[in-house]
C-alpha atoms as a PDB file:
ATOM      1  CA  MET A   1      16.630 145.768  78.042  1.00  0.00           C
ATOM      2  CA  PRO A   2      15.542 149.441  78.271  1.00  0.00           C
ATOM      3  CA  GLU A   3      18.009 152.170  77.330  1.00  0.00           C
ATOM      4  CA  PRO A   4      19.318 154.415  80.124  1.00  0.00           C
ATOM      5  CA  THR A   5      18.231 158.046  80.014  1.00  0.00           C
ATOM      6  CA  THR A   6      20.050 161.180  81.033  1.00  0.00           C
ATOM      7  CA  THR A   7      18.414 164.107  82.816  1.00  0.00           C
ATOM      8  CA  ILE A   8      20.106 167.433  83.412  1.00  0.00           C
ATOM      9  CA  THR A   9      19.220 168.622  86.887  1.00  0.00           C
ATOM     10  CA  ARG A  10      21.803 171.335  87.574  1.00  0.00           C
ATOM     11  CA  TYR A  11      23.583 174.108  85.695  1.00  0.00           C
ATOM     12  CA  GLU A  12      26.455 176.370  86.723  1.00  0.00           C
ATOM     13  CA  VAL A  13      26.394 179.823  85.081  1.00  0.00           C
ATOM     14  CA  SER A  14      29.455 182.061  85.408  1.00  0.00           C
ATOM     15  CA  VAL A  15      31.332 184.777  83.544  1.00  0.00           C
ATOM     16  CA  LEU A  16      34.589 183.111  84.586  1.00  0.00           C
ATOM     17  CA  PRO A  17      36.084 180.419  82.334  1.00  0.00           C
ATOM     18  CA  ALA A  18      35.501 176.791  83.284  1.00  0.00           C
ATOM     19  CA  THR A  19      39.206 176.442  84.080  1.00  0.00           C
ATOM     20  CA  HIS A  20      39.293 179.352  86.565  1.00  0.00           C
ATOM     21  CA  PRO A  21      40.151 177.909  90.004  1.00  0.00           C
ATOM     22  CA  ASP A  22      37.553 180.066  91.821  1.00  0.00           C
ATOM     23  CA  ARG A  23      34.730 179.821  89.284  1.00  0.00           C
ATOM     24  CA  HIS A  24      32.419 177.977  91.661  1.00  0.00           C
ATOM     25  CA  TYR A  25      32.550 180.871  94.152  1.00  0.00           C
ATOM     26  CA  TRP A  26      31.219 183.344  91.577  1.00  0.00           C
ATOM     27  CA  SER A  27      28.703 181.110  89.828  1.00  0.00           C
ATOM     28  CA  VAL A  28      24.931 181.140  89.742  1.00  0.00           C
ATOM     29  CA  ILE A  29      23.386 177.717  90.222  1.00  0.00           C
ATOM     30  CA  VAL A  30      20.187 176.661  88.485  1.00  0.00           C
ATOM     31  CA  ALA A  31      18.904 173.371  89.850  1.00  0.00           C
ATOM     32  CA  SER A  32      15.825 171.243  89.451  1.00  0.00           C
ATOM     33  CA  THR A  33      13.766 170.781  92.612  1.00  0.00           C
ATOM     34  CA  ASP A  34      10.531 168.952  93.366  1.00  0.00           C
ATOM     35  CA  HIS A  35       8.654 172.227  92.790  1.00  0.00           C
ATOM     36  CA  GLY A  36      10.465 173.774  89.817  1.00  0.00           C
ATOM     37  CA  TRP A  37      13.868 175.356  89.121  1.00  0.00           C
ATOM     38  CA  ALA A  38      15.806 177.154  91.861  1.00  0.00           C
ATOM     39  CA  VAL A  39      18.313 179.946  91.117  1.00  0.00           C
ATOM     40  CA  TRP A  40      20.936 180.935  93.701  1.00  0.00           C
ATOM     41  CA  ASP A  41      24.517 182.015  94.288  1.00  0.00           C
ATOM     42  CA  ALA A  42      26.812 182.196  97.321  1.00  0.00           C
ATOM     43  CA  ASP A  43      24.932 185.166  98.814  1.00  0.00           C
ATOM     44  CA  GLY A  44      21.271 184.276  98.233  1.00  0.00           C
ATOM     45  CA  ALA A  45      18.564 183.268  95.796  1.00  0.00           C
ATOM     46  CA  TYR A  46      16.770 185.007  92.920  1.00  0.00           C
ATOM     47  CA  ASP A  47      13.024 185.384  92.478  1.00  0.00           C
ATOM     48  CA  GLN A  48      10.973 185.291  89.265  1.00  0.00           C
ATOM     49  CA  ASP A  49      12.085 188.849  88.393  1.00  0.00           C
ATOM     50  CA  GLY A  50      15.775 188.208  89.041  1.00  0.00           C
ATOM     51  CA  GLN A  51      15.741 190.138  92.316  1.00  0.00           C
ATOM     52  CA  ARG A  52      17.871 188.804  95.159  1.00  0.00           C
ATOM     53  CA  VAL A  53      15.843 187.332  98.017  1.00  0.00           C
ATOM     54  CA  PRO A  54      16.804 185.427 101.165  1.00  0.00           C
ATOM     55  CA  ILE A  55      17.233 181.787 100.239  1.00  0.00           C
ATOM     56  CA  ASP A  56      14.439 180.823 102.659  1.00  0.00           C
ATOM     57  CA  ASN A  57      11.988 183.114 100.793  1.00  0.00           C
ATOM     58  CA  ALA A  58      12.830 181.963  97.281  1.00  0.00           C
ATOM     59  CA  SER A  59      10.043 180.462  95.251  1.00  0.00           C
ATOM     60  CA  PRO A  60      10.976 178.031  92.483  1.00  0.00           C
ATOM     61  CA  HIS A  61      10.810 179.004  88.828  1.00  0.00           C
ATOM     62  CA  SER A  62       8.383 176.849  86.872  1.00  0.00           C
ATOM     63  CA  ASP A  63      10.278 177.172  83.601  1.00  0.00           C
ATOM     64  CA  GLN A  64      13.856 175.941  83.070  1.00  0.00           C
ATOM     65  CA  ALA A  65      14.536 178.402  80.242  1.00  0.00           C
ATOM     66  CA  ALA A  66      13.370 181.369  82.341  1.00  0.00           C
ATOM     67  CA  ALA A  67      15.520 180.262  85.284  1.00  0.00           C
ATOM     68  CA  LEU A  68      18.586 179.976  83.020  1.00  0.00           C
ATOM     69  CA  ALA A  69      17.851 183.407  81.513  1.00  0.00           C
ATOM     70  CA  ILE A  70      17.789 184.953  84.999  1.00  0.00           C
ATOM     71  CA  ALA A  71      21.062 183.212  85.860  1.00  0.00           C
ATOM     72  CA  ARG A  72      22.711 184.540  82.699  1.00  0.00           C
ATOM     73  CA  ARG A  73      21.424 188.047  83.423  1.00  0.00           C
ATOM     74  CA  VAL A  74      22.672 188.175  87.032  1.00  0.00           C
ATOM     75  CA  ALA A  75      25.957 186.238  86.611  1.00  0.00           C
ATOM     76  CA  PRO A  76      28.080 189.300  85.663  1.00  0.00           C
ATOM     77  CA  ASN A  77      26.990 191.031  88.890  1.00  0.00           C
ATOM     78  CA  VAL A  78      27.486 188.179  91.358  1.00  0.00           C
ATOM     79  CA  THR A  79      29.283 189.134  94.544  1.00  0.00           C
ATOM     80  CA  LEU A  80      30.781 187.024  97.285  1.00  0.00           C
ATOM     81  CA  ASN A  81      30.712 188.729 100.678  1.00  0.00           C
ATOM     82  CA  GLY A  82      30.487 192.039  98.845  1.00  0.00           C
ATOM     83  CA  HIS A  83      33.387 191.343  96.467  1.00  0.00           C
ATOM     84  CA  PRO A  84      32.724 191.461  92.697  1.00  0.00           C
ATOM     85  CA  VAL A  85      33.646 188.801  90.182  1.00  0.00           C
ATOM     86  CA  PRO A  86      37.448 188.810  89.743  1.00  0.00           C
ATOM     87  CA  ALA A  87      39.023 189.424  86.361  1.00  0.00           C
ATOM     88  CA  ALA A  88      39.552 186.233  84.416  1.00  0.00           C
END
């Protein structure tokens, strides 16, 4: 019988600890799509340069590592309806 495999298809990047009750509100999501890796947060998406774009205009990132690097770079500056990341 073949062995099952595991594929990571989604990451959550945040400056808040995993136990923070509101972490998901101030997280950047990196997810695998049919066309590459998408990077977004509660207020929009991020393009190849890490610039915020409307989610409808976002083009997927072809490289997982580059998409995660953008998410790590923008995570400290995530806002939710104009509010910054709360103190942990």
